[in-house]
Amino acid sequence: MMALGLIDKLTNFLIPVDEEAVAPERAEVPVTKDAAQENERRPKLKVHSQPAGNLKVIVDLPTSFDDVQTYADYLRNSIAIVVNYQQVDIATQQRMSDFLNGVCYILGGSVQRISEQVVLYAYANIEVDKKIFAYSVPTYVRVKE
């Protein structure tokens, strides 16, 4: 019961009750000068929340350097990309990576390597939590000789 009262107090403090939503029995209570002064001194707080975003992520397996233009268009249109470079040689991977790194730099995005051949390219205002990579990094196992 005590916790419910505390939660109600915090909720009422952070999200003030609208005048129209006040229960009828509370609306009839006369407001004293002390209560009016307290309401004036109480800080007016606004709760800011981000709208539910539409995060779009494309996962692709490029076969040639020609795919890089499509990836740049995705980033420009606020779509993140996970690129798996398994199907291309090292030189093509390096060229594609350099190009997409430049696109991310220009757009204010970020690049996160997930593994040797898998890279996440994100546009601006996307935060990537580094903890997700803890599962993809292989652990060191000592081999008995």
N, C-alpha and C. Protein backbone atom coordinates (compact mmCIF):
# COMPACT_ATOMS: atom_id res chain seq x y z
N MET A 1 0.83 -1.19 0.00
CA MET A 1 0.00 0.00 0.00
C MET A 1 0.87 1.24 0.00
N MET A 2 1.99 1.17 0.71
CA MET A 2 2.90 2.30 0.79
C MET A 2 3.51 2.59 -0.58
N ALA A 3 3.84 1.53 -1.30
CA ALA A 3 4.46 1.72 -2.62
C ALA A 3 3.47 2.35 -3.58
N LEU A 4 2.22 1.97 -3.50
CA LEU A 4 1.22 2.54 -4.39
C LEU A 4 1.08 4.04 -4.15
N GLY A 5 1.12 4.45 -2.91
CA GLY A 5 1.04 5.87 -2.60
C GLY A 5 2.24 6.64 -3.14
N LEU A 6 3.42 6.05 -3.04
CA LEU A 6 4.62 6.68 -3.55
C LEU A 6 4.57 6.80 -5.08
N ILE A 7 4.11 5.75 -5.72
CA ILE A 7 4.01 5.77 -7.18
C ILE A 7 3.00 6.83 -7.61
N ASP A 8 1.87 6.91 -6.90
CA ASP A 8 0.87 7.93 -7.23
C ASP A 8 1.44 9.34 -7.07
N LYS A 9 2.20 9.55 -5.99
CA LYS A 9 2.79 10.87 -5.76
C LYS A 9 3.79 11.23 -6.86
N LEU A 10 4.62 10.28 -7.23
CA LEU A 10 5.60 10.54 -8.30
C LEU A 10 4.90 10.79 -9.62
N THR A 11 3.89 10.00 -9.91
CA THR A 11 3.15 10.18 -11.16
C THR A 11 2.48 11.54 -11.19
N ASN A 12 1.85 11.93 -10.11
CA ASN A 12 1.19 13.24 -10.06
C ASN A 12 2.19 14.38 -10.14
N PHE A 13 3.39 14.17 -9.61
CA PHE A 13 4.41 15.21 -9.67
C PHE A 13 4.96 15.35 -11.09
N LEU A 14 5.24 14.21 -11.74
CA LEU A 14 5.83 14.26 -13.08
C LEU A 14 4.81 14.56 -14.16
N ILE A 15 3.59 14.06 -13.99
CA ILE A 15 2.54 14.28 -14.98
C ILE A 15 1.36 14.92 -14.26
N PRO A 16 1.30 16.25 -14.27
CA PRO A 16 0.21 16.92 -13.55
C PRO A 16 -1.15 16.54 -14.13
N VAL A 17 -2.14 16.51 -13.27
CA VAL A 17 -3.48 16.15 -13.67
C VAL A 17 -4.12 17.34 -14.38
N ASP A 18 -4.76 17.08 -15.53
CA ASP A 18 -5.46 18.14 -16.26
C ASP A 18 -6.68 18.59 -15.46
N GLU A 19 -7.07 19.86 -15.65
CA GLU A 19 -8.23 20.40 -14.93
C GLU A 19 -9.50 19.63 -15.29
N GLU A 20 -9.64 19.24 -16.56
CA GLU A 20 -10.85 18.55 -16.99
C GLU A 20 -10.90 17.13 -16.47
N ALA A 21 -9.75 16.53 -16.21
CA ALA A 21 -9.70 15.14 -15.79
C ALA A 21 -9.81 14.98 -14.27
N VAL A 22 -9.95 16.08 -13.55
CA VAL A 22 -10.04 16.03 -12.09
C VAL A 22 -11.37 15.41 -11.70
N ALA A 23 -11.33 14.53 -10.71
CA ALA A 23 -12.55 13.90 -10.22
C ALA A 23 -13.48 14.96 -9.64
N PRO A 24 -14.81 14.77 -9.75
CA PRO A 24 -15.76 15.79 -9.28
C PRO A 24 -15.58 16.15 -7.81
N GLU A 25 -15.29 15.17 -6.95
CA GLU A 25 -15.16 15.51 -5.52
C GLU A 25 -13.93 16.36 -5.26
N ARG A 26 -12.88 16.22 -6.08
CA ARG A 26 -11.68 17.04 -5.90
C ARG A 26 -11.89 18.43 -6.51
N ALA A 27 -12.73 18.55 -7.52
CA ALA A 27 -12.96 19.82 -8.17
C ALA A 27 -13.72 20.79 -7.26
N GLU A 28 -14.51 20.26 -6.33
CA GLU A 28 -15.32 21.11 -5.47
C GLU A 28 -14.54 21.67 -4.30
N VAL A 29 -13.35 21.19 -4.04
CA VAL A 29 -12.56 21.65 -2.90
C VAL A 29 -12.06 23.07 -3.21
N PRO A 30 -12.33 24.04 -2.32
CA PRO A 30 -11.87 25.41 -2.59
C PRO A 30 -10.35 25.50 -2.48
N VAL A 31 -9.79 26.34 -3.31
CA VAL A 31 -8.34 26.52 -3.34
C VAL A 31 -7.98 27.64 -2.38
N THR A 32 -7.09 27.35 -1.44
CA THR A 32 -6.66 28.36 -0.48
C THR A 32 -5.47 29.12 -1.06
N LYS A 33 -5.11 30.20 -0.40
CA LYS A 33 -3.98 31.01 -0.86
C LYS A 33 -2.67 30.22 -0.76
N ASP A 34 -2.55 29.40 0.30
CA ASP A 34 -1.33 28.60 0.45
C ASP A 34 -1.20 27.60 -0.69
N ALA A 35 -2.30 26.97 -1.05
CA ALA A 35 -2.26 25.99 -2.15
C ALA A 35 -1.95 26.68 -3.46
N ALA A 36 -2.50 27.87 -3.66
CA ALA A 36 -2.24 28.60 -4.91
C ALA A 36 -0.77 29.01 -4.98
N GLN A 37 -0.20 29.47 -3.85
CA GLN A 37 1.21 29.85 -3.84
C GLN A 37 2.11 28.63 -4.06
N GLU A 38 1.70 27.49 -3.49
CA GLU A 38 2.49 26.27 -3.68
C GLU A 38 2.48 25.86 -5.15
N ASN A 39 1.33 25.99 -5.81
CA ASN A 39 1.26 25.64 -7.23
C ASN A 39 2.11 26.58 -8.08
N GLU A 40 2.21 27.85 -7.68
CA GLU A 40 3.04 28.80 -8.42
C GLU A 40 4.52 28.49 -8.23
N ARG A 41 4.90 28.04 -7.03
CA ARG A 41 6.31 27.73 -6.76
C ARG A 41 6.72 26.39 -7.35
N ARG A 42 5.78 25.49 -7.52
CA ARG A 42 6.10 24.16 -8.04
C ARG A 42 6.59 24.31 -9.49
N PRO A 43 7.72 23.68 -9.80
CA PRO A 43 8.23 23.78 -11.17
C PRO A 43 7.29 23.10 -12.16
N LYS A 44 7.17 23.73 -13.31
CA LYS A 44 6.34 23.16 -14.37
C LYS A 44 7.22 22.20 -15.16
N LEU A 45 6.94 20.92 -15.05
CA LEU A 45 7.74 19.90 -15.71
C LEU A 45 7.01 19.36 -16.92
N LYS A 46 7.77 19.12 -17.94
CA LYS A 46 7.23 18.48 -19.14
C LYS A 46 7.97 17.17 -19.34
N VAL A 47 7.24 16.15 -19.64
CA VAL A 47 7.85 14.86 -19.90
C VAL A 47 8.10 14.77 -21.40
N HIS A 48 9.37 14.61 -21.76
CA HIS A 48 9.74 14.50 -23.17
C HIS A 48 9.93 13.03 -23.50
N SER A 49 9.32 12.62 -24.55
CA SER A 49 9.53 11.26 -25.00
C SER A 49 9.73 11.29 -26.50
N GLN A 50 10.53 10.38 -26.97
CA GLN A 50 10.78 10.32 -28.40
C GLN A 50 9.65 9.52 -29.03
N PRO A 51 9.22 9.96 -30.19
CA PRO A 51 8.18 9.19 -30.86
C PRO A 51 8.73 7.83 -31.28
N ALA A 52 7.87 6.87 -31.35
CA ALA A 52 8.30 5.53 -31.76
C ALA A 52 8.88 5.63 -33.16
N GLY A 53 10.15 5.33 -33.26
CA GLY A 53 10.82 5.44 -34.55
C GLY A 53 10.59 4.22 -35.40
N ASN A 54 10.77 4.43 -36.66
CA ASN A 54 10.66 3.33 -37.61
C ASN A 54 12.05 2.98 -38.07
N LEU A 55 12.76 2.25 -37.25
CA LEU A 55 14.11 1.84 -37.58
C LEU A 55 14.04 0.76 -38.63
N LYS A 56 14.67 1.03 -39.75
CA LYS A 56 14.71 0.05 -40.82
C LYS A 56 16.16 -0.39 -40.99
N VAL A 57 16.34 -1.69 -41.12
CA VAL A 57 17.67 -2.25 -41.30
C VAL A 57 17.62 -3.24 -42.45
N ILE A 58 18.55 -3.08 -43.37
CA ILE A 58 18.69 -4.00 -44.49
C ILE A 58 19.91 -4.87 -44.21
N VAL A 59 19.78 -6.17 -44.37
CA VAL A 59 20.90 -7.10 -44.26
C VAL A 59 21.13 -7.65 -45.66
N ASP A 60 22.37 -7.48 -46.16
CA ASP A 60 22.61 -7.88 -47.54
C ASP A 60 23.97 -8.55 -47.69
N LEU A 61 24.09 -9.31 -48.75
CA LEU A 61 25.29 -10.03 -49.11
C LEU A 61 25.70 -9.56 -50.50
N PRO A 62 26.59 -8.56 -50.60
CA PRO A 62 26.95 -8.03 -51.91
C PRO A 62 27.74 -9.05 -52.74
N THR A 63 27.59 -8.93 -54.05
CA THR A 63 28.33 -9.81 -54.96
C THR A 63 29.34 -9.04 -55.80
N SER A 64 29.17 -7.71 -55.89
CA SER A 64 30.11 -6.89 -56.65
C SER A 64 30.11 -5.47 -56.10
N PHE A 65 31.05 -4.67 -56.59
CA PHE A 65 31.16 -3.28 -56.15
C PHE A 65 29.94 -2.46 -56.56
N ASP A 66 29.23 -2.90 -57.59
CA ASP A 66 28.05 -2.17 -58.07
C ASP A 66 26.95 -2.06 -57.02
N ASP A 67 26.95 -2.93 -56.04
CA ASP A 67 25.92 -2.90 -54.98
C ASP A 67 26.10 -1.71 -54.04
N VAL A 68 27.28 -1.10 -54.04
CA VAL A 68 27.57 -0.04 -53.09
C VAL A 68 26.69 1.19 -53.30
N GLN A 69 26.29 1.47 -54.53
CA GLN A 69 25.41 2.62 -54.81
C GLN A 69 24.05 2.43 -54.13
N THR A 70 23.54 1.23 -54.17
CA THR A 70 22.26 0.93 -53.51
C THR A 70 22.37 1.13 -52.01
N TYR A 71 23.49 0.69 -51.43
CA TYR A 71 23.70 0.86 -50.00
C TYR A 71 23.79 2.33 -49.61
N ALA A 72 24.45 3.12 -50.44
CA ALA A 72 24.55 4.57 -50.18
C ALA A 72 23.16 5.20 -50.22
N ASP A 73 22.33 4.76 -51.16
CA ASP A 73 20.96 5.28 -51.23
C ASP A 73 20.16 4.90 -49.99
N TYR A 74 20.36 3.68 -49.49
CA TYR A 74 19.68 3.27 -48.26
C TYR A 74 20.07 4.20 -47.10
N LEU A 75 21.35 4.43 -46.95
CA LEU A 75 21.81 5.30 -45.86
C LEU A 75 21.26 6.71 -46.01
N ARG A 76 21.24 7.22 -47.22
CA ARG A 76 20.72 8.56 -47.47
C ARG A 76 19.23 8.65 -47.13
N ASN A 77 18.52 7.52 -47.26
CA ASN A 77 17.08 7.47 -46.95
C ASN A 77 16.81 6.98 -45.53
N SER A 78 17.81 7.08 -44.65
CA SER A 78 17.69 6.71 -43.23
C SER A 78 17.34 5.24 -43.02
N ILE A 79 18.04 4.40 -43.73
CA ILE A 79 17.91 2.96 -43.55
C ILE A 79 19.30 2.42 -43.23
N ALA A 80 19.43 1.76 -42.09
CA ALA A 80 20.72 1.18 -41.69
C ALA A 80 20.97 -0.10 -42.49
N ILE A 81 22.25 -0.46 -42.63
CA ILE A 81 22.61 -1.62 -43.44
C ILE A 81 23.58 -2.50 -42.67
N VAL A 82 23.36 -3.79 -42.71
CA VAL A 82 24.33 -4.77 -42.24
C VAL A 82 24.83 -5.48 -43.49
N VAL A 83 26.13 -5.32 -43.77
CA VAL A 83 26.71 -5.88 -44.99
C VAL A 83 27.61 -7.05 -44.62
N ASN A 84 27.35 -8.18 -45.25
CA ASN A 84 28.17 -9.37 -45.07
C ASN A 84 29.03 -9.52 -46.33
N TYR A 85 30.32 -9.34 -46.19
CA TYR A 85 31.24 -9.32 -47.32
C TYR A 85 31.77 -10.70 -47.72
N GLN A 86 31.08 -11.77 -47.41
CA GLN A 86 31.58 -13.11 -47.69
C GLN A 86 31.73 -13.40 -49.18
N GLN A 87 30.88 -12.83 -50.02
CA GLN A 87 30.86 -13.17 -51.44
C GLN A 87 31.82 -12.33 -52.29
N VAL A 88 32.52 -11.37 -51.69
CA VAL A 88 33.44 -10.53 -52.46
C VAL A 88 34.87 -10.75 -51.98
N ASP A 89 35.82 -10.46 -52.88
CA ASP A 89 37.23 -10.62 -52.50
C ASP A 89 37.67 -9.47 -51.59
N ILE A 90 38.86 -9.59 -51.06
CA ILE A 90 39.37 -8.62 -50.08
C ILE A 90 39.49 -7.23 -50.69
N ALA A 91 39.96 -7.13 -51.93
CA ALA A 91 40.11 -5.82 -52.57
C ALA A 91 38.76 -5.13 -52.76
N THR A 92 37.77 -5.88 -53.20
CA THR A 92 36.42 -5.31 -53.38
C THR A 92 35.82 -4.94 -52.03
N GLN A 93 36.04 -5.76 -51.03
CA GLN A 93 35.57 -5.44 -49.67
C GLN A 93 36.17 -4.13 -49.20
N GLN A 94 37.46 -3.94 -49.44
CA GLN A 94 38.14 -2.71 -49.00
C GLN A 94 37.57 -1.50 -49.74
N ARG A 95 37.36 -1.61 -51.05
CA ARG A 95 36.80 -0.49 -51.82
C ARG A 95 35.39 -0.15 -51.35
N MET A 96 34.57 -1.17 -51.16
CA MET A 96 33.19 -0.94 -50.71
C MET A 96 33.18 -0.34 -49.31
N SER A 97 34.02 -0.87 -48.46
CA SER A 97 34.10 -0.36 -47.09
C SER A 97 34.54 1.10 -47.07
N ASP A 98 35.54 1.44 -47.87
CA ASP A 98 36.00 2.83 -47.94
C ASP A 98 34.89 3.75 -48.42
N PHE A 99 34.17 3.32 -49.45
CA PHE A 99 33.09 4.14 -50.00
C PHE A 99 31.99 4.35 -48.97
N LEU A 100 31.55 3.26 -48.32
CA LEU A 100 30.46 3.37 -47.34
C LEU A 100 30.90 4.10 -46.07
N ASN A 101 32.17 3.98 -45.71
CA ASN A 101 32.68 4.77 -44.58
C ASN A 101 32.59 6.26 -44.91
N GLY A 102 32.90 6.63 -46.14
CA GLY A 102 32.80 8.03 -46.56
C GLY A 102 31.36 8.52 -46.55
N VAL A 103 30.45 7.67 -47.01
CA VAL A 103 29.03 8.03 -46.99
C VAL A 103 28.56 8.25 -45.56
N CYS A 104 28.94 7.35 -44.66
CA CYS A 104 28.54 7.49 -43.25
C CYS A 104 29.14 8.75 -42.65
N TYR A 105 30.37 9.06 -43.00
CA TYR A 105 31.02 10.27 -42.48
C TYR A 105 30.27 11.52 -42.94
N ILE A 106 29.94 11.57 -44.22
CA ILE A 106 29.23 12.74 -44.76
C ILE A 106 27.84 12.88 -44.12
N LEU A 107 27.15 11.77 -43.90
CA LEU A 107 25.80 11.81 -43.33
C LEU A 107 25.80 11.91 -41.81
N GLY A 108 26.98 11.86 -41.18
CA GLY A 108 27.04 11.92 -39.72
C GLY A 108 26.68 10.60 -39.08
N GLY A 109 26.79 9.50 -39.82
CA GLY A 109 26.44 8.19 -39.31
C GLY A 109 27.60 7.53 -38.60
N SER A 110 27.48 6.22 -38.42
CA SER A 110 28.53 5.47 -37.73
C SER A 110 28.73 4.12 -38.40
N VAL A 111 29.91 3.57 -38.18
CA VAL A 111 30.26 2.26 -38.73
C VAL A 111 30.72 1.39 -37.57
N GLN A 112 30.14 0.19 -37.46
CA GLN A 112 30.51 -0.74 -36.41
C GLN A 112 30.83 -2.09 -37.04
N ARG A 113 32.03 -2.59 -36.78
CA ARG A 113 32.41 -3.91 -37.27
C ARG A 113 31.85 -4.96 -36.33
N ILE A 114 31.08 -5.88 -36.89
CA ILE A 114 30.49 -6.95 -36.10
C ILE A 114 31.42 -8.16 -36.10
N SER A 115 31.98 -8.47 -37.26
CA SER A 115 32.98 -9.53 -37.37
C SER A 115 33.93 -9.12 -38.50
N GLU A 116 34.82 -10.01 -38.88
CA GLU A 116 35.80 -9.68 -39.93
C GLU A 116 35.11 -9.34 -41.25
N GLN A 117 34.00 -9.97 -41.54
CA GLN A 117 33.34 -9.76 -42.83
C GLN A 117 31.92 -9.19 -42.71
N VAL A 118 31.49 -8.84 -41.53
CA VAL A 118 30.16 -8.27 -41.34
C VAL A 118 30.30 -6.90 -40.67
N VAL A 119 29.68 -5.88 -41.32
CA VAL A 119 29.81 -4.51 -40.83
C VAL A 119 28.42 -3.87 -40.80
N LEU A 120 28.17 -3.10 -39.76
CA LEU A 120 26.92 -2.34 -39.63
C LEU A 120 27.19 -0.90 -39.99
N TYR A 121 26.43 -0.37 -40.95
CA TYR A 121 26.51 1.04 -41.35
C TYR A 121 25.19 1.68 -40.91
N ALA A 122 25.29 2.68 -40.04
CA ALA A 122 24.09 3.34 -39.51
C ALA A 122 24.12 4.81 -39.87
N TYR A 123 22.97 5.37 -40.13
CA TYR A 123 22.85 6.78 -40.44
C TYR A 123 22.89 7.60 -39.16
N ALA A 124 22.79 8.91 -39.28
CA ALA A 124 22.88 9.82 -38.12
C ALA A 124 21.76 9.53 -37.12
N ASN A 125 22.02 9.83 -35.86
CA ASN A 125 21.07 9.73 -34.75
C ASN A 125 20.70 8.29 -34.38
N ILE A 126 21.50 7.34 -34.77
CA ILE A 126 21.28 5.96 -34.37
C ILE A 126 22.38 5.58 -33.40
N GLU A 127 21.99 5.13 -32.21
CA GLU A 127 22.97 4.68 -31.23
C GLU A 127 23.07 3.17 -31.32
N VAL A 128 24.30 2.69 -31.31
CA VAL A 128 24.54 1.25 -31.34
C VAL A 128 25.14 0.86 -30.01
N ASP A 129 24.46 -0.03 -29.32
CA ASP A 129 24.94 -0.49 -28.02
C ASP A 129 26.02 -1.53 -28.25
N LYS A 130 27.18 -1.29 -27.69
CA LYS A 130 28.33 -2.16 -27.92
C LYS A 130 28.17 -3.53 -27.26
N LYS A 131 27.24 -3.67 -26.33
CA LYS A 131 27.07 -4.95 -25.65
C LYS A 131 26.61 -6.04 -26.59
N ILE A 132 25.93 -5.67 -27.67
CA ILE A 132 25.44 -6.71 -28.58
C ILE A 132 26.59 -7.44 -29.25
N PHE A 133 27.75 -6.82 -29.31
CA PHE A 133 28.88 -7.45 -29.97
C PHE A 133 29.59 -8.44 -29.07
N ALA A 134 29.28 -8.45 -27.80
CA ALA A 134 29.94 -9.37 -26.87
C ALA A 134 29.63 -10.82 -27.23
N TYR A 135 28.49 -11.07 -27.84
CA TYR A 135 28.11 -12.43 -28.19
C TYR A 135 28.76 -12.91 -29.48
N SER A 136 29.18 -11.99 -30.34
CA SER A 136 29.73 -12.40 -31.62
C SER A 136 31.25 -12.53 -31.59
N VAL A 137 31.89 -12.05 -30.54
CA VAL A 137 33.34 -12.12 -30.45
C VAL A 137 33.74 -13.48 -29.88
N PRO A 138 34.53 -14.25 -30.62
CA PRO A 138 34.91 -15.57 -30.10
C PRO A 138 35.83 -15.43 -28.89
N THR A 139 35.70 -16.34 -27.98
CA THR A 139 36.54 -16.32 -26.79
C THR A 139 37.83 -17.07 -27.05
N TYR A 140 38.84 -16.73 -26.32
CA TYR A 140 40.14 -17.36 -26.46
C TYR A 140 40.10 -18.70 -25.73
N VAL A 141 40.47 -19.75 -26.41
CA VAL A 141 40.53 -21.07 -25.81
C VAL A 141 41.97 -21.55 -25.90
N ARG A 142 42.52 -21.92 -24.78
CA ARG A 142 43.89 -22.38 -24.74
C ARG A 142 43.95 -23.86 -25.18
N VAL A 143 44.78 -24.11 -26.16
CA VAL A 143 44.92 -25.45 -26.70
C VAL A 143 46.02 -26.17 -25.95
N LYS A 144 45.73 -27.39 -25.50
CA LYS A 144 46.73 -28.18 -24.78
C LYS A 144 47.68 -28.79 -25.79
N GLU A 145 48.94 -28.72 -25.51
CA GLU A 145 49.93 -29.27 -26.43
C GLU A 145 50.49 -30.56 -25.94
